[in-house]
Amino acid sequence: MSGFRQTGPTTATTTIDITTDGTGPLSLTVSWSAGDAGGQPGTPDGAVQTLERSGATQYTLTVDHTFQSNGCYWSVRATTTPASADGGASQQLLTRRCDIR
C-alpha cells in the first residue's frame, strides 16, 4: 500500500499494489477507521469496500473514501483472499484539521 493521503476535508485516497503468483480470482477488502489516538486503528468508518479481480498477476488499484468521523487520525487496512503472505497492509495519517502540540 502506498500513497495514503488526505484529498479534502473529509476525503482520502490510497493506492494498493498487488502481485500474485497466478491469474486466478482475487478479492481485495479495504476497511477504513478513524480515531483520536495515533498508532491505534480507531472506530470503523463507513462500509468495507470489496474489489474483485482476475486474469493478471499484477494490479494497481486506487481506492477513495469519504470519512464520516471527525477523528484526527484516519486509517486504512487492505487484505486479500486468498490471503497474502504478509497478512495485508495498513497505513495511518494525521488529518490536516488536527494540531499536535
PDB file of N, CA and C in Angstrom:
ATOM      1  N   MET A   1       0.852  -1.158   0.000  1.00  0.00           N
ATOM      2  CA  MET A   1       0.000   0.000   0.000  1.00  0.00           C
ATOM      3  C   MET A   1       0.901   1.225   0.000  1.00  0.00           C
ATOM      4  N   SER A   2       0.533   2.180  -0.836  1.00  0.00           N
ATOM      5  CA  SER A   2       1.336   3.403  -0.903  1.00  0.00           C
ATOM      6  C   SER A   2       0.415   4.591  -1.137  1.00  0.00           C
ATOM      7  N   GLY A   3       0.912   5.742  -0.841  1.00  0.00           N
ATOM      8  CA  GLY A   3       0.204   6.960  -1.204  1.00  0.00           C
ATOM      9  C   GLY A   3      -1.093   7.213  -0.463  1.00  0.00           C
ATOM     10  N   PHE A   4      -1.233   6.744   0.785  1.00  0.00           N
ATOM     11  CA  PHE A   4      -2.430   7.077   1.559  1.00  0.00           C
ATOM     12  C   PHE A   4      -2.340   8.546   1.905  1.00  0.00           C
ATOM     13  N   ARG A   5      -3.317   9.317   1.427  1.00  0.00           N
ATOM     14  CA  ARG A   5      -3.248  10.759   1.649  1.00  0.00           C
ATOM     15  C   ARG A   5      -4.638  11.364   1.737  1.00  0.00           C
ATOM     16  N   GLN A   6      -4.699  12.465   2.443  1.00  0.00           N
ATOM     17  CA  GLN A   6      -5.931  13.227   2.562  1.00  0.00           C
ATOM     18  C   GLN A   6      -6.085  14.064   1.300  1.00  0.00           C
ATOM     19  N   THR A   7      -7.273  14.025   0.689  1.00  0.00           N
ATOM     20  CA  THR A   7      -7.509  14.770  -0.552  1.00  0.00           C
ATOM     21  C   THR A   7      -8.471  15.928  -0.359  1.00  0.00           C
ATOM     22  N   GLY A   8      -9.144  15.996   0.763  1.00  0.00           N
ATOM     23  CA  GLY A   8     -10.087  17.064   1.074  1.00  0.00           C
ATOM     24  C   GLY A   8     -10.395  17.031   2.556  1.00  0.00           C
ATOM     25  N   PRO A   9     -11.283  17.901   3.037  1.00  0.00           N
ATOM     26  CA  PRO A   9     -11.579  17.946   4.471  1.00  0.00           C
ATOM     27  C   PRO A   9     -12.088  16.623   5.043  1.00  0.00           C
ATOM     28  N   THR A  10     -12.786  15.836   4.231  1.00  0.00           N
ATOM     29  CA  THR A  10     -13.335  14.563   4.713  1.00  0.00           C
ATOM     30  C   THR A  10     -12.993  13.394   3.794  1.00  0.00           C
ATOM     31  N   THR A  11     -12.079  13.591   2.851  1.00  0.00           N
ATOM     32  CA  THR A  11     -11.803  12.546   1.860  1.00  0.00           C
ATOM     33  C   THR A  11     -10.334  12.145   1.842  1.00  0.00           C
ATOM     34  N   ALA A  12     -10.116  10.879   1.464  1.00  0.00           N
ATOM     35  CA  ALA A  12      -8.759  10.340   1.360  1.00  0.00           C
ATOM     36  C   ALA A  12      -8.714   9.344   0.211  1.00  0.00           C
ATOM     37  N   THR A  13      -7.499   9.041  -0.226  1.00  0.00           N
ATOM     38  CA  THR A  13      -7.284   8.049  -1.270  1.00  0.00           C
ATOM     39  C   THR A  13      -6.055   7.226  -0.917  1.00  0.00           C
ATOM     40  N   THR A  14      -6.026   6.009  -1.381  1.00  0.00           N
ATOM     41  CA  THR A  14      -4.850   5.166  -1.209  1.00  0.00           C
ATOM     42  C   THR A  14      -4.635   4.349  -2.470  1.00  0.00           C
ATOM     43  N   THR A  15      -3.393   3.985  -2.718  1.00  0.00           N
ATOM     44  CA  THR A  15      -3.040   3.142  -3.854  1.00  0.00           C
ATOM     45  C   THR A  15      -2.545   1.811  -3.317  1.00  0.00           C
ATOM     46  N   ILE A  16      -3.071   0.741  -3.884  1.00  0.00           N
ATOM     47  CA  ILE A  16      -2.732  -0.603  -3.425  1.00  0.00           C
ATOM     48  C   ILE A  16      -2.152  -1.377  -4.590  1.00  0.00           C
ATOM     49  N   ASP A  17      -0.922  -1.863  -4.423  1.00  0.00           N
ATOM     50  CA  ASP A  17      -0.249  -2.678  -5.434  1.00  0.00           C
ATOM     51  C   ASP A  17      -0.308  -4.130  -4.994  1.00  0.00           C
ATOM     52  N   ILE A  18      -0.757  -4.993  -5.897  1.00  0.00           N
ATOM     53  CA  ILE A  18      -0.883  -6.417  -5.586  1.00  0.00           C
ATOM     54  C   ILE A  18      -0.153  -7.215  -6.653  1.00  0.00           C
ATOM     55  N   THR A  19       0.696  -8.136  -6.211  1.00  0.00           N
ATOM     56  CA  THR A  19       1.361  -9.081  -7.109  1.00  0.00           C
ATOM     57  C   THR A  19       0.981 -10.482  -6.658  1.00  0.00           C
ATOM     58  N   THR A  20       0.504 -11.289  -7.598  1.00  0.00           N
ATOM     59  CA  THR A  20       0.087 -12.653  -7.278  1.00  0.00           C
ATOM     60  C   THR A  20       0.957 -13.652  -8.024  1.00  0.00           C
ATOM     61  N   ASP A  21       0.870 -14.907  -7.631  1.00  0.00           N
ATOM     62  CA  ASP A  21       1.627 -15.946  -8.335  1.00  0.00           C
ATOM     63  C   ASP A  21       0.752 -16.700  -9.331  1.00  0.00           C
ATOM     64  N   GLY A  22      -0.432 -16.185  -9.599  1.00  0.00           N
ATOM     65  CA  GLY A  22      -1.322 -16.801 -10.579  1.00  0.00           C
ATOM     66  C   GLY A  22      -2.396 -15.816 -10.997  1.00  0.00           C
ATOM     67  N   THR A  23      -3.158 -16.182 -12.022  1.00  0.00           N
ATOM     68  CA  THR A  23      -4.160 -15.267 -12.560  1.00  0.00           C
ATOM     69  C   THR A  23      -5.570 -15.555 -12.053  1.00  0.00           C
ATOM     70  N   GLY A  24      -5.672 -16.418 -11.063  1.00  0.00           N
ATOM     71  CA  GLY A  24      -6.985 -16.780 -10.522  1.00  0.00           C
ATOM     72  C   GLY A  24      -7.673 -15.611  -9.845  1.00  0.00           C
ATOM     73  N   PRO A  25      -8.896 -15.808  -9.414  1.00  0.00           N
ATOM     74  CA  PRO A  25      -9.646 -14.714  -8.797  1.00  0.00           C
ATOM     75  C   PRO A  25      -9.016 -14.240  -7.486  1.00  0.00           C
ATOM     76  N   LEU A  26      -9.138 -12.946  -7.264  1.00  0.00           N
ATOM     77  CA  LEU A  26      -8.587 -12.280  -6.088  1.00  0.00           C
ATOM     78  C   LEU A  26      -9.649 -11.331  -5.552  1.00  0.00           C
ATOM     79  N   SER A  27      -9.813 -11.319  -4.261  1.00  0.00           N
ATOM     80  CA  SER A  27     -10.731 -10.395  -3.611  1.00  0.00           C
ATOM     81  C   SER A  27      -9.920  -9.476  -2.703  1.00  0.00           C
ATOM     82  N   LEU A  28     -10.050  -8.178  -2.905  1.00  0.00           N
ATOM     83  CA  LEU A  28      -9.381  -7.182  -2.073  1.00  0.00           C
ATOM     84  C   LEU A  28     -10.430  -6.540  -1.177  1.00  0.00           C
ATOM     85  N   THR A  29     -10.176  -6.554   0.124  1.00  0.00           N
ATOM     86  CA  THR A  29     -11.075  -5.926   1.083  1.00  0.00           C
ATOM     87  C   THR A  29     -10.364  -4.734   1.703  1.00  0.00           C
ATOM     88  N   VAL A  30     -11.002  -3.564   1.623  1.00  0.00           N
ATOM     89  CA  VAL A  30     -10.426  -2.328   2.154  1.00  0.00           C
ATOM     90  C   VAL A  30     -11.358  -1.804   3.240  1.00  0.00           C
ATOM     91  N   SER A  31     -10.804  -1.603   4.430  1.00  0.00           N
ATOM     92  CA  SER A  31     -11.594  -1.070   5.542  1.00  0.00           C
ATOM     93  C   SER A  31     -10.957   0.216   6.045  1.00  0.00           C
ATOM     94  N   TRP A  32     -11.802   1.101   6.510  1.00  0.00           N
ATOM     95  CA  TRP A  32     -11.390   2.439   6.932  1.00  0.00           C
ATOM     96  C   TRP A  32     -11.786   2.639   8.385  1.00  0.00           C
ATOM     97  N   SER A  33     -10.997   3.416   9.119  1.00  0.00           N
ATOM     98  CA  SER A  33     -11.341   3.731  10.502  1.00  0.00           C
ATOM     99  C   SER A  33     -10.796   5.105  10.850  1.00  0.00           C
ATOM    100  N   ALA A  34     -11.317   5.668  11.929  1.00  0.00           N
ATOM    101  CA  ALA A  34     -10.890   6.991  12.376  1.00  0.00           C
ATOM    102  C   ALA A  34     -10.887   7.017  13.894  1.00  0.00           C
ATOM    103  N   GLY A  35      -9.980   7.803  14.454  1.00  0.00           N
ATOM    104  CA  GLY A  35      -9.896   7.917  15.904  1.00  0.00           C
ATOM    105  C   GLY A  35      -9.030   9.090  16.301  1.00  0.00           C
ATOM    106  N   ASP A  36      -8.858   9.260  17.587  1.00  0.00           N
ATOM    107  CA  ASP A  36      -8.081  10.388  18.103  1.00  0.00           C
ATOM    108  C   ASP A  36      -6.737   9.991  18.681  1.00  0.00           C
ATOM    109  N   ALA A  37      -6.356   8.720  18.559  1.00  0.00           N
ATOM    110  CA  ALA A  37      -5.077   8.255  19.094  1.00  0.00           C
ATOM    111  C   ALA A  37      -4.223   7.683  17.971  1.00  0.00           C
ATOM    112  N   GLY A  38      -3.026   8.227  17.820  1.00  0.00           N
ATOM    113  CA  GLY A  38      -2.101   7.699  16.831  1.00  0.00           C
ATOM    114  C   GLY A  38      -1.649   6.300  17.198  1.00  0.00           C
ATOM    115  N   GLY A  39      -1.443   5.463  16.201  1.00  0.00           N
ATOM    116  CA  GLY A  39      -0.993   4.104  16.425  1.00  0.00           C
ATOM    117  C   GLY A  39      -2.102   3.125  16.765  1.00  0.00           C
ATOM    118  N   GLN A  40      -3.318   3.612  16.882  1.00  0.00           N
ATOM    119  CA  GLN A  40      -4.483   2.769  17.166  1.00  0.00           C
ATOM    120  C   GLN A  40      -5.395   2.780  15.944  1.00  0.00           C
ATOM    121  N   PRO A  41      -6.074   1.669  15.649  1.00  0.00           N
ATOM    122  CA  PRO A  41      -6.903   1.636  14.444  1.00  0.00           C
ATOM    123  C   PRO A  41      -8.135   2.525  14.502  1.00  0.00           C
ATOM    124  N   GLY A  42      -8.640   2.830  15.678  1.00  0.00           N
ATOM    125  CA  GLY A  42      -9.826   3.678  15.768  1.00  0.00           C
ATOM    126  C   GLY A  42     -11.114   2.903  15.544  1.00  0.00           C
ATOM    127  N   THR A  43     -12.176   3.643  15.278  1.00  0.00           N
ATOM    128  CA  THR A  43     -13.513   3.087  15.080  1.00  0.00           C
ATOM    129  C   THR A  43     -13.779   2.915  13.594  1.00  0.00           C
ATOM    130  N   PRO A  44     -14.360   1.802  13.178  1.00  0.00           N
ATOM    131  CA  PRO A  44     -14.662   1.629  11.753  1.00  0.00           C
ATOM    132  C   PRO A  44     -15.463   2.808  11.207  1.00  0.00           C
ATOM    133  N   ASP A  45     -15.138   3.216   9.997  1.00  0.00           N
ATOM    134  CA  ASP A  45     -15.778   4.369   9.373  1.00  0.00           C
ATOM    135  C   ASP A  45     -16.300   3.963   7.994  1.00  0.00           C
ATOM    136  N   GLY A  46     -17.603   3.937   7.846  1.00  0.00           N
ATOM    137  CA  GLY A  46     -18.198   3.616   6.553  1.00  0.00           C
ATOM    138  C   GLY A  46     -18.152   2.134   6.240  1.00  0.00           C
ATOM    139  N   ALA A  47     -18.657   1.817   5.070  1.00  0.00           N
ATOM    140  CA  ALA A  47     -18.749   0.423   4.639  1.00  0.00           C
ATOM    141  C   ALA A  47     -17.393  -0.103   4.183  1.00  0.00           C
ATOM    142  N   VAL A  48     -17.177  -1.376   4.423  1.00  0.00           N
ATOM    143  CA  VAL A  48     -15.998  -2.065   3.895  1.00  0.00           C
ATOM    144  C   VAL A  48     -16.167  -2.160   2.381  1.00  0.00           C
ATOM    145  N   GLN A  49     -15.088  -1.912   1.653  1.00  0.00           N
ATOM    146  CA  GLN A  49     -15.127  -1.997   0.193  1.00  0.00           C
ATOM    147  C   GLN A  49     -14.456  -3.289  -0.249  1.00  0.00           C
ATOM    148  N   THR A  50     -15.096  -4.005  -1.157  1.00  0.00           N
ATOM    149  CA  THR A  50     -14.540  -5.241  -1.690  1.00  0.00           C
ATOM    150  C   THR A  50     -14.435  -5.126  -3.202  1.00  0.00           C
ATOM    151  N   LEU A  51     -13.243  -5.399  -3.726  1.00  0.00           N
ATOM    152  CA  LEU A  51     -12.986  -5.349  -5.165  1.00  0.00           C
ATOM    153  C   LEU A  51     -12.553  -6.730  -5.621  1.00  0.00           C
ATOM    154  N   GLU A  52     -13.098  -7.185  -6.716  1.00  0.00           N
ATOM    155  CA  GLU A  52     -12.768  -8.497  -7.275  1.00  0.00           C
ATOM    156  C   GLU A  52     -11.934  -8.303  -8.538  1.00  0.00           C
ATOM    157  N   ARG A  53     -10.871  -9.095  -8.671  1.00  0.00           N
ATOM    158  CA  ARG A  53     -10.024  -9.036  -9.859  1.00  0.00           C
ATOM    159  C   ARG A  53      -9.609 -10.446 -10.248  1.00  0.00           C
ATOM    160  N   SER A  54      -9.320 -10.641 -11.547  1.00  0.00           N
ATOM    161  CA  SER A  54      -8.758 -11.899 -12.038  1.00  0.00           C
ATOM    162  C   SER A  54      -8.185 -11.653 -13.424  1.00  0.00           C
ATOM    163  N   GLY A  55      -7.340 -12.589 -13.882  1.00  0.00           N
ATOM    164  CA  GLY A  55      -6.805 -12.521 -15.231  1.00  0.00           C
ATOM    165  C   GLY A  55      -5.417 -11.938 -15.364  1.00  0.00           C
ATOM    166  N   ALA A  56      -4.833 -11.447 -14.269  1.00  0.00           N
ATOM    167  CA  ALA A  56      -3.488 -10.874 -14.318  1.00  0.00           C
ATOM    168  C   ALA A  56      -2.735 -11.288 -13.058  1.00  0.00           C
ATOM    169  N   THR A  57      -1.451 -10.985 -13.017  1.00  0.00           N
ATOM    170  CA  THR A  57      -0.658 -11.269 -11.823  1.00  0.00           C
ATOM    171  C   THR A  57      -0.236  -9.997 -11.095  1.00  0.00           C
ATOM    172  N   GLN A  58      -0.524  -8.830 -11.670  1.00  0.00           N
ATOM    173  CA  GLN A  58      -0.207  -7.563 -11.015  1.00  0.00           C
ATOM    174  C   GLN A  58      -1.378  -6.598 -11.173  1.00  0.00           C
ATOM    175  N   TYR A  59      -1.690  -5.932 -10.078  1.00  0.00           N
ATOM    176  CA  TYR A  59      -2.778  -4.957 -10.080  1.00  0.00           C
ATOM    177  C   TYR A  59      -2.329  -3.726  -9.306  1.00  0.00           C
ATOM    178  N   THR A  60      -2.731  -2.563  -9.775  1.00  0.00           N
ATOM    179  CA  THR A  60      -2.579  -1.322  -9.030  1.00  0.00           C
ATOM    180  C   THR A  60      -3.966  -0.708  -8.946  1.00  0.00           C
ATOM    181  N   LEU A  61      -4.469  -0.598  -7.733  1.00  0.00           N
ATOM    182  CA  LEU A  61      -5.832  -0.126  -7.514  1.00  0.00           C
ATOM    183  C   LEU A  61      -5.812   1.124  -6.651  1.00  0.00           C
ATOM    184  N   THR A  62      -6.594   2.109  -7.037  1.00  0.00           N
ATOM    185  CA  THR A  62      -6.759   3.322  -6.251  1.00  0.00           C
ATOM    186  C   THR A  62      -8.151   3.293  -5.642  1.00  0.00           C
ATOM    187  N   VAL A  63      -8.210   3.495  -4.337  1.00  0.00           N
ATOM    188  CA  VAL A  63      -9.480   3.421  -3.619  1.00  0.00           C
ATOM    189  C   VAL A  63      -9.669   4.730  -2.854  1.00  0.00           C
ATOM    190  N   ASP A  64     -10.853   5.319  -2.988  1.00  0.00           N
ATOM    191  CA  ASP A  64     -11.189   6.581  -2.331  1.00  0.00           C
ATOM    192  C   ASP A  64     -12.201   6.343  -1.219  1.00  0.00           C
ATOM    193  N   HIS A  65     -12.208   7.264  -0.252  1.00  0.00           N
ATOM    194  CA  HIS A  65     -13.157   7.141   0.858  1.00  0.00           C
ATOM    195  C   HIS A  65     -13.527   8.525   1.367  1.00  0.00           C
ATOM    196  N   THR A  66     -14.789   8.680   1.745  1.00  0.00           N
ATOM    197  CA  THR A  66     -15.257   9.883   2.425  1.00  0.00           C
ATOM    198  C   THR A  66     -15.511   9.519   3.883  1.00  0.00           C
ATOM    199  N   PHE A  67     -14.764  10.151   4.774  1.00  0.00           N
ATOM    200  CA  PHE A  67     -14.878   9.856   6.200  1.00  0.00           C
ATOM    201  C   PHE A  67     -16.093  10.552   6.800  1.00  0.00           C
ATOM    202  N   GLN A  68     -16.798   9.820   7.656  1.00  0.00           N
ATOM    203  CA  GLN A  68     -17.953  10.351   8.379  1.00  0.00           C
ATOM    204  C   GLN A  68     -17.547  10.849   9.765  1.00  0.00           C
ATOM    205  N   SER A  69     -16.457  10.323  10.284  1.00  0.00           N
ATOM    206  CA  SER A  69     -15.995  10.629  11.633  1.00  0.00           C
ATOM    207  C   SER A  69     -15.147  11.897  11.645  1.00  0.00           C
ATOM    208  N   ASN A  70     -15.076  12.521  12.811  1.00  0.00           N
ATOM    209  CA  ASN A  70     -14.225  13.698  12.992  1.00  0.00           C
ATOM    210  C   ASN A  70     -12.893  13.348  13.634  1.00  0.00           C
ATOM    211  N   GLY A  71     -12.516  12.084  13.647  1.00  0.00           N
ATOM    212  CA  GLY A  71     -11.262  11.669  14.265  1.00  0.00           C
ATOM    213  C   GLY A  71     -10.057  12.346  13.636  1.00  0.00           C
ATOM    214  N   CYS A  72      -9.045  12.603  14.442  1.00  0.00           N
ATOM    215  CA  CYS A  72      -7.822  13.245  13.947  1.00  0.00           C
ATOM    216  C   CYS A  72      -6.942  12.290  13.151  1.00  0.00           C
ATOM    217  N   TYR A  73      -7.061  11.002  13.426  1.00  0.00           N
ATOM    218  CA  TYR A  73      -6.258  10.003  12.719  1.00  0.00           C
ATOM    219  C   TYR A  73      -7.169   9.143  11.850  1.00  0.00           C
ATOM    220  N   TRP A  74      -6.818   9.026  10.595  1.00  0.00           N
ATOM    221  CA  TRP A  74      -7.533   8.157   9.667  1.00  0.00           C
ATOM    222  C   TRP A  74      -6.649   6.959   9.370  1.00  0.00           C
ATOM    223  N   SER A  75      -7.262   5.790   9.275  1.00  0.00           N
ATOM    224  CA  SER A  75      -6.526   4.561   8.970  1.00  0.00           C
ATOM    225  C   SER A  75      -7.204   3.813   7.836  1.00  0.00           C
ATOM    226  N   VAL A  76      -6.388   3.078   7.100  1.00  0.00           N
ATOM    227  CA  VAL A  76      -6.894   2.194   6.052  1.00  0.00           C
ATOM    228  C   VAL A  76      -6.193   0.853   6.199  1.00  0.00           C
ATOM    229  N   ARG A  77      -6.932  -0.219   5.969  1.00  0.00           N
ATOM    230  CA  ARG A  77      -6.376  -1.574   6.017  1.00  0.00           C
ATOM    231  C   ARG A  77      -6.852  -2.332   4.796  1.00  0.00           C
ATOM    232  N   ALA A  78      -5.921  -3.053   4.168  1.00  0.00           N
ATOM    233  CA  ALA A  78      -6.239  -3.848   2.981  1.00  0.00           C
ATOM    234  C   ALA A  78      -5.826  -5.291   3.212  1.00  0.00           C
ATOM    235  N   THR A  79      -6.732  -6.213   2.911  1.00  0.00           N
ATOM    236  CA  THR A  79      -6.443  -7.642   2.981  1.00  0.00           C
ATOM    237  C   THR A  79      -6.953  -8.298   1.708  1.00  0.00           C
ATOM    238  N   THR A  80      -6.399  -9.452   1.402  1.00  0.00           N
ATOM    239  CA  THR A  80      -6.813 -10.166   0.200  1.00  0.00           C
ATOM    240  C   THR A  80      -7.269 -11.581   0.536  1.00  0.00           C
ATOM    241  N   THR A  81      -8.089 -12.110  -0.353  1.00  0.00           N
ATOM    242  CA  THR A  81      -8.477 -13.515  -0.340  1.00  0.00           C
ATOM    243  C   THR A  81      -8.223 -14.041  -1.741  1.00  0.00           C
ATOM    244  N   PRO A  82      -7.340 -15.025  -1.911  1.00  0.00           N
ATOM    245  CA  PRO A  82      -6.548 -15.694  -0.884  1.00  0.00           C
ATOM    246  C   PRO A  82      -5.629 -14.707  -0.145  1.00  0.00           C
ATOM    247  N   ALA A  83      -5.296 -15.068   1.087  1.00  0.00           N
ATOM    248  CA  ALA A  83      -4.502 -14.188   1.941  1.00  0.00           C
ATOM    249  C   ALA A  83      -3.096 -14.009   1.401  1.00  0.00           C
ATOM    250  N   SER A  84      -2.583 -12.795   1.552  1.00  0.00           N
ATOM    251  CA  SER A  84      -1.203 -12.518   1.152  1.00  0.00           C
ATOM    252  C   SER A  84      -0.245 -13.054   2.207  1.00  0.00           C
ATOM    253  N   ALA A  85       0.992 -13.278   1.812  1.00  0.00           N
ATOM    254  CA  ALA A  85       1.998 -13.808   2.732  1.00  0.00           C
ATOM    255  C   ALA A  85       2.256 -12.861   3.899  1.00  0.00           C
ATOM    256  N   ASP A  86       2.109 -11.550   3.666  1.00  0.00           N
ATOM    257  CA  ASP A  86       2.380 -10.572   4.724  1.00  0.00           C
ATOM    258  C   ASP A  86       1.153 -10.262   5.585  1.00  0.00           C
ATOM    259  N   GLY A  87       0.023 -10.882   5.276  1.00  0.00           N
ATOM    260  CA  GLY A  87      -1.170 -10.678   6.089  1.00  0.00           C
ATOM    261  C   GLY A  87      -1.945  -9.416   5.787  1.00  0.00           C
ATOM    262  N   GLY A  88      -1.522  -8.656   4.794  1.00  0.00           N
ATOM    263  CA  GLY A  88      -2.214  -7.417   4.449  1.00  0.00           C
ATOM    264  C   GLY A  88      -1.369  -6.207   4.805  1.00  0.00           C
ATOM    265  N   ALA A  89      -1.944  -5.043   4.606  1.00  0.00           N
ATOM    266  CA  ALA A  89      -1.209  -3.803   4.850  1.00  0.00           C
ATOM    267  C   ALA A  89      -2.140  -2.774   5.467  1.00  0.00           C
ATOM    268  N   SER A  90      -1.557  -1.862   6.232  1.00  0.00           N
ATOM    269  CA  SER A  90      -2.339  -0.765   6.793  1.00  0.00           C
ATOM    270  C   SER A  90      -1.471   0.479   6.880  1.00  0.00           C
ATOM    271  N   GLN A  91      -2.139   1.625   6.836  1.00  0.00           N
ATOM    272  CA  GLN A  91      -1.463   2.907   6.994  1.00  0.00           C
ATOM    273  C   GLN A  91      -2.373   3.845   7.769  1.00  0.00           C
ATOM    274  N   GLN A  92      -1.748   4.849   8.379  1.00  0.00           N
ATOM    275  CA  GLN A  92      -2.487   5.839   9.151  1.00  0.00           C
ATOM    276  C   GLN A  92      -1.929   7.216   8.849  1.00  0.00           C
ATOM    277  N   LEU A  93      -2.797   8.226   8.901  1.00  0.00           N
ATOM    278  CA  LEU A  93      -2.328   9.602   8.730  1.00  0.00           C
ATOM    279  C   LEU A  93      -3.006  10.503   9.746  1.00  0.00           C
ATOM    280  N   LEU A  94      -2.341  11.618  10.034  1.00  0.00           N
ATOM    281  CA  LEU A  94      -2.894  12.669  10.876  1.00  0.00           C
ATOM    282  C   LEU A  94      -3.567  13.663   9.949  1.00  0.00           C
ATOM    283  N   THR A  95      -4.844  13.933  10.162  1.00  0.00           N
ATOM    284  CA  THR A  95      -5.570  14.821   9.261  1.00  0.00           C
ATOM    285  C   THR A  95      -5.085  16.257   9.405  1.00  0.00           C
ATOM    286  N   ARG A  96      -5.303  17.021   8.355  1.00  0.00           N
ATOM    287  CA  ARG A  96      -4.862  18.417   8.338  1.00  0.00           C
ATOM    288  C   ARG A  96      -5.609  19.282   9.340  1.00  0.00           C
ATOM    289  N   ARG A  97      -6.818  18.869   9.734  1.00  0.00           N
ATOM    290  CA  ARG A  97      -7.595  19.714  10.646  1.00  0.00           C
ATOM    291  C   ARG A  97      -7.142  19.604  12.100  1.00  0.00           C
ATOM    292  N   CYS A  98      -6.250  18.665  12.397  1.00  0.00           N
ATOM    293  CA  CYS A  98      -5.809  18.456  13.777  1.00  0.00           C
ATOM    294  C   CYS A  98      -4.397  18.984  13.976  1.00  0.00           C
ATOM    295  N   ASP A  99      -4.164  19.490  15.160  1.00  0.00           N
ATOM    296  CA  ASP A  99      -2.894  20.114  15.504  1.00  0.00           C
ATOM    297  C   ASP A  99      -2.295  19.366  16.690  1.00  0.00           C
ATOM    298  N   ILE A 100      -1.074  18.863  16.518  1.00  0.00           N
ATOM    299  CA  ILE A 100      -0.387  18.175  17.611  1.00  0.00           C
ATOM    300  C   ILE A 100       0.465  19.200  18.358  1.00  0.00           C
ATOM    301  N   ARG A 101       0.269  19.302  19.657  1.00  0.00           N
ATOM    302  CA  ARG A 101       1.037  20.274  20.459  1.00  0.00           C
ATOM    303  C   ARG A 101       1.836  19.565  21.510  1.00  0.00           C
TER     304      ARG A 101
END
